Amino acid sequence: QVQFVESGGGLVQPGGSLRLSCAGAGSIFNTNAVAWYRRTPGKARTWVGDIAPLGDTNYAESVKGRFTLSRDSAKNTVYLQMNNLKPEDTAVYFCTGCQNVVQGLCLSQSGSFGQGTQVTVSS
């Protein structure tokens, strides 16, 4: 069962920006950390970052300083603002709820991953 749904992907030129959204079920949103992952064809899903219920954030080194996570509890939504995008950021991006995230590992994941949203960075 998919508890969190991603949106906002698209095609953007290198150096551009996109904002992804992750909408969660209200009953679990406020008690879960939300983690973002991405996957490129033929590779495993990799952790991008996570945001705790109270707003503490962690980021992978590859996106630190360019990506920013925020959450709007009134809308049950987490946002991933991606700036200065690079071609290597091209991937399908997924979000999910977790009881906790430790070194990028989602503990007690809420449901299963959804379809994800495609981000393509290309000129």
C-alpha atoms as a PDB file:
ATOM      1  CA  GLN A   1       0.000   0.000   0.000  1.00  0.00           C
ATOM      2  CA  VAL A   2       1.407   3.360  -1.044  1.00  0.00           C
ATOM      3  CA  GLN A   3       1.204   5.926   1.710  1.00  0.00           C
ATOM      4  CA  PHE A   4       3.258   8.716   0.158  1.00  0.00           C
ATOM      5  CA  VAL A   5       2.922  10.021  -3.407  1.00  0.00           C
ATOM      6  CA  GLU A   6       5.505  12.016  -5.344  1.00  0.00           C
ATOM      7  CA  SER A   7       4.935  14.711  -7.951  1.00  0.00           C
ATOM      8  CA  GLY A   8       6.656  17.629  -9.626  1.00  0.00           C
ATOM      9  CA  GLY A   9       9.242  16.006 -11.851  1.00  0.00           C
ATOM     10  CA  GLY A  10      10.052  17.167 -15.354  1.00  0.00           C
ATOM     11  CA  LEU A  11      12.710  18.196 -17.822  1.00  0.00           C
ATOM     12  CA  VAL A  12      15.082  20.984 -16.825  1.00  0.00           C
ATOM     13  CA  GLN A  13      18.331  22.362 -18.199  1.00  0.00           C
ATOM     14  CA  PRO A  14      21.586  22.043 -16.255  1.00  0.00           C
ATOM     15  CA  GLY A  15      21.732  24.735 -13.619  1.00  0.00           C
ATOM     16  CA  GLY A  16      17.962  24.895 -13.386  1.00  0.00           C
ATOM     17  CA  SER A  17      15.609  24.170 -10.498  1.00  0.00           C
ATOM     18  CA  LEU A  18      12.677  21.922  -9.727  1.00  0.00           C
ATOM     19  CA  ARG A  19      10.539  21.385  -6.664  1.00  0.00           C
ATOM     20  CA  LEU A  20       9.252  17.922  -5.923  1.00  0.00           C
ATOM     21  CA  SER A  21       6.338  17.259  -3.615  1.00  0.00           C
ATOM     22  CA  CYS A  22       5.595  14.267  -1.433  1.00  0.00           C
ATOM     23  CA  ALA A  23       2.047  14.036  -0.110  1.00  0.00           C
ATOM     24  CA  GLY A  24       1.373  11.692   2.782  1.00  0.00           C
ATOM     25  CA  ALA A  25      -1.645  10.305   4.524  1.00  0.00           C
ATOM     26  CA  GLY A  26      -2.575  12.612   7.370  1.00  0.00           C
ATOM     27  CA  SER A  27      -2.755   9.892   9.976  1.00  0.00           C
ATOM     28  CA  ILE A  28       0.922   9.019   9.617  1.00  0.00           C
ATOM     29  CA  PHE A  29       2.488  12.126   8.140  1.00  0.00           C
ATOM     30  CA  ASN A  30       3.153  13.986  11.372  1.00  0.00           C
ATOM     31  CA  THR A  31       4.737  11.007  13.104  1.00  0.00           C
ATOM     32  CA  ASN A  32       6.999   9.890  10.269  1.00  0.00           C
ATOM     33  CA  ALA A  33      10.296  11.042   8.926  1.00  0.00           C
ATOM     34  CA  VAL A  34      10.143  11.379   5.159  1.00  0.00           C
ATOM     35  CA  ALA A  35      13.028  10.149   3.065  1.00  0.00           C
ATOM     36  CA  TRP A  36      13.760  10.762  -0.601  1.00  0.00           C
ATOM     37  CA  TYR A  37      15.580   8.302  -2.808  1.00  0.00           C
ATOM     38  CA  ARG A  38      16.426   8.220  -6.479  1.00  0.00           C
ATOM     39  CA  ARG A  39      17.131   5.512  -8.998  1.00  0.00           C
ATOM     40  CA  THR A  40      18.735   5.497 -12.419  1.00  0.00           C
ATOM     41  CA  PRO A  41      18.289   2.629 -14.900  1.00  0.00           C
ATOM     42  CA  GLY A  42      20.263  -0.434 -13.926  1.00  0.00           C
ATOM     43  CA  LYS A  43      21.225   0.907 -10.525  1.00  0.00           C
ATOM     44  CA  ALA A  44      19.915   0.519  -7.028  1.00  0.00           C
ATOM     45  CA  ARG A  45      17.852   3.163  -5.345  1.00  0.00           C
ATOM     46  CA  THR A  46      20.072   5.620  -3.445  1.00  0.00           C
ATOM     47  CA  TRP A  47      19.232   7.897  -0.573  1.00  0.00           C
ATOM     48  CA  VAL A  48      18.995  11.631  -1.306  1.00  0.00           C
ATOM     49  CA  GLY A  49      17.939  13.059   2.040  1.00  0.00           C
ATOM     50  CA  ASP A  50      15.405  12.937   4.829  1.00  0.00           C
ATOM     51  CA  ILE A  51      13.453  15.223   7.079  1.00  0.00           C
ATOM     52  CA  ALA A  52      12.306  14.370  10.596  1.00  0.00           C
ATOM     53  CA  PRO A  53       8.849  15.216  11.973  1.00  0.00           C
ATOM     54  CA  LEU A  54      10.223  18.317  13.688  1.00  0.00           C
ATOM     55  CA  GLY A  55      12.188  19.421  10.628  1.00  0.00           C
ATOM     56  CA  ASP A  56      15.743  18.182  11.161  1.00  0.00           C
ATOM     57  CA  THR A  57      17.274  17.324   7.801  1.00  0.00           C
ATOM     58  CA  ASN A  58      20.055  15.173   6.431  1.00  0.00           C
ATOM     59  CA  TYR A  59      21.430  15.084   2.892  1.00  0.00           C
ATOM     60  CA  ALA A  60      23.645  12.909   0.760  1.00  0.00           C
ATOM     61  CA  GLU A  61      26.979  14.528   0.003  1.00  0.00           C
ATOM     62  CA  SER A  62      26.191  14.635  -3.701  1.00  0.00           C
ATOM     63  CA  VAL A  63      23.245  17.000  -3.161  1.00  0.00           C
ATOM     64  CA  LYS A  64      24.282  18.914  -0.056  1.00  0.00           C
ATOM     65  CA  GLY A  65      24.135  22.662  -0.653  1.00  0.00           C
ATOM     66  CA  ARG A  66      21.905  22.250  -3.718  1.00  0.00           C
ATOM     67  CA  PHE A  67      18.836  20.411  -2.419  1.00  0.00           C
ATOM     68  CA  THR A  68      16.637  21.564   0.456  1.00  0.00           C
ATOM     69  CA  LEU A  69      13.909  19.667   2.270  1.00  0.00           C
ATOM     70  CA  SER A  70      10.955  21.293   3.991  1.00  0.00           C
ATOM     71  CA  ARG A  71       7.625  20.107   5.295  1.00  0.00           C
ATOM     72  CA  ASP A  72       4.180  21.669   5.526  1.00  0.00           C
ATOM     73  CA  SER A  73       2.191  19.837   8.181  1.00  0.00           C
ATOM     74  CA  ALA A  74      -1.019  21.661   7.287  1.00  0.00           C
ATOM     75  CA  LYS A  75      -0.821  20.141   3.812  1.00  0.00           C
ATOM     76  CA  ASN A  76       0.741  16.817   4.821  1.00  0.00           C
ATOM     77  CA  THR A  77       3.412  17.512   2.254  1.00  0.00           C
ATOM     78  CA  VAL A  78       7.197  17.454   2.115  1.00  0.00           C
ATOM     79  CA  TYR A  79       9.010  19.451  -0.525  1.00  0.00           C
ATOM     80  CA  LEU A  80      12.362  18.750  -2.112  1.00  0.00           C
ATOM     81  CA  GLN A  81      13.699  21.951  -3.635  1.00  0.00           C
ATOM     82  CA  MET A  82      16.433  21.111  -6.130  1.00  0.00           C
ATOM     83  CA  ASN A  83      18.678  23.900  -7.352  1.00  0.00           C
ATOM     84  CA  ASN A  84      21.706  23.975  -9.629  1.00  0.00           C
ATOM     85  CA  LEU A  85      20.659  20.671 -11.126  1.00  0.00           C
ATOM     86  CA  LYS A  86      23.239  18.563 -12.918  1.00  0.00           C
ATOM     87  CA  PRO A  87      22.838  15.846 -15.560  1.00  0.00           C
ATOM     88  CA  GLU A  88      23.853  13.274 -12.958  1.00  0.00           C
ATOM     89  CA  ASP A  89      20.751  14.213 -10.955  1.00  0.00           C
ATOM     90  CA  THR A  90      18.656  12.612 -13.694  1.00  0.00           C
ATOM     91  CA  ALA A  91      16.681   9.806 -12.053  1.00  0.00           C
ATOM     92  CA  VAL A  92      13.306   8.676 -10.858  1.00  0.00           C
ATOM     93  CA  TYR A  93      12.747  10.189  -7.428  1.00  0.00           C
ATOM     94  CA  PHE A  94      10.790   8.425  -4.702  1.00  0.00           C
ATOM     95  CA  CYS A  95       9.649   9.433  -1.261  1.00  0.00           C
ATOM     96  CA  THR A  96       8.481   7.332   1.634  1.00  0.00           C
ATOM     97  CA  GLY A  97       7.658   7.575   5.296  1.00  0.00           C
ATOM     98  CA  CYS A  98       9.911   6.010   7.882  1.00  0.00           C
ATOM     99  CA  GLN A  99       9.773   5.594  11.628  1.00  0.00           C
ATOM    100  CA  ASN A 100      13.399   6.737  11.536  1.00  0.00           C
ATOM    101  CA  VAL A 101      16.182   7.131   8.991  1.00  0.00           C
ATOM    102  CA  VAL A 102      19.670   6.014   9.961  1.00  0.00           C
ATOM    103  CA  GLN A 103      22.506   6.714   7.552  1.00  0.00           C
ATOM    104  CA  GLY A 104      20.049   6.721   4.681  1.00  0.00           C
ATOM    105  CA  LEU A 105      18.310   3.525   5.706  1.00  0.00           C
ATOM    106  CA  CYS A 106      14.556   3.806   6.159  1.00  0.00           C
ATOM    107  CA  LEU A 107      13.464   1.969   9.306  1.00  0.00           C
ATOM    108  CA  SER A 108       9.903   0.677   9.550  1.00  0.00           C
ATOM    109  CA  GLN A 109       8.866   2.033   6.169  1.00  0.00           C
ATOM    110  CA  SER A 110       5.247   3.140   5.879  1.00  0.00           C
ATOM    111  CA  GLY A 111       3.822   1.060   3.072  1.00  0.00           C
ATOM    112  CA  SER A 112       5.625   0.557  -0.194  1.00  0.00           C
ATOM    113  CA  PHE A 113       7.293   2.873  -2.704  1.00  0.00           C
ATOM    114  CA  GLY A 114       5.062   4.460  -5.320  1.00  0.00           C
ATOM    115  CA  GLN A 115       5.738   5.088  -8.995  1.00  0.00           C
ATOM    116  CA  GLY A 116       8.129   7.932  -8.343  1.00  0.00           C
ATOM    117  CA  THR A 117       8.531  11.064 -10.422  1.00  0.00           C
ATOM    118  CA  GLN A 118      10.995  11.410 -13.297  1.00  0.00           C
ATOM    119  CA  VAL A 119      13.558  14.202 -13.209  1.00  0.00           C
ATOM    120  CA  THR A 120      15.583  14.728 -16.353  1.00  0.00           C
ATOM    121  CA  VAL A 121      18.408  17.261 -16.471  1.00  0.00           C
ATOM    122  CA  SER A 122      19.496  17.833 -20.020  1.00  0.00           C
ATOM    123  CA  SER A 123      20.255  20.621 -22.458  1.00  0.00           C
END
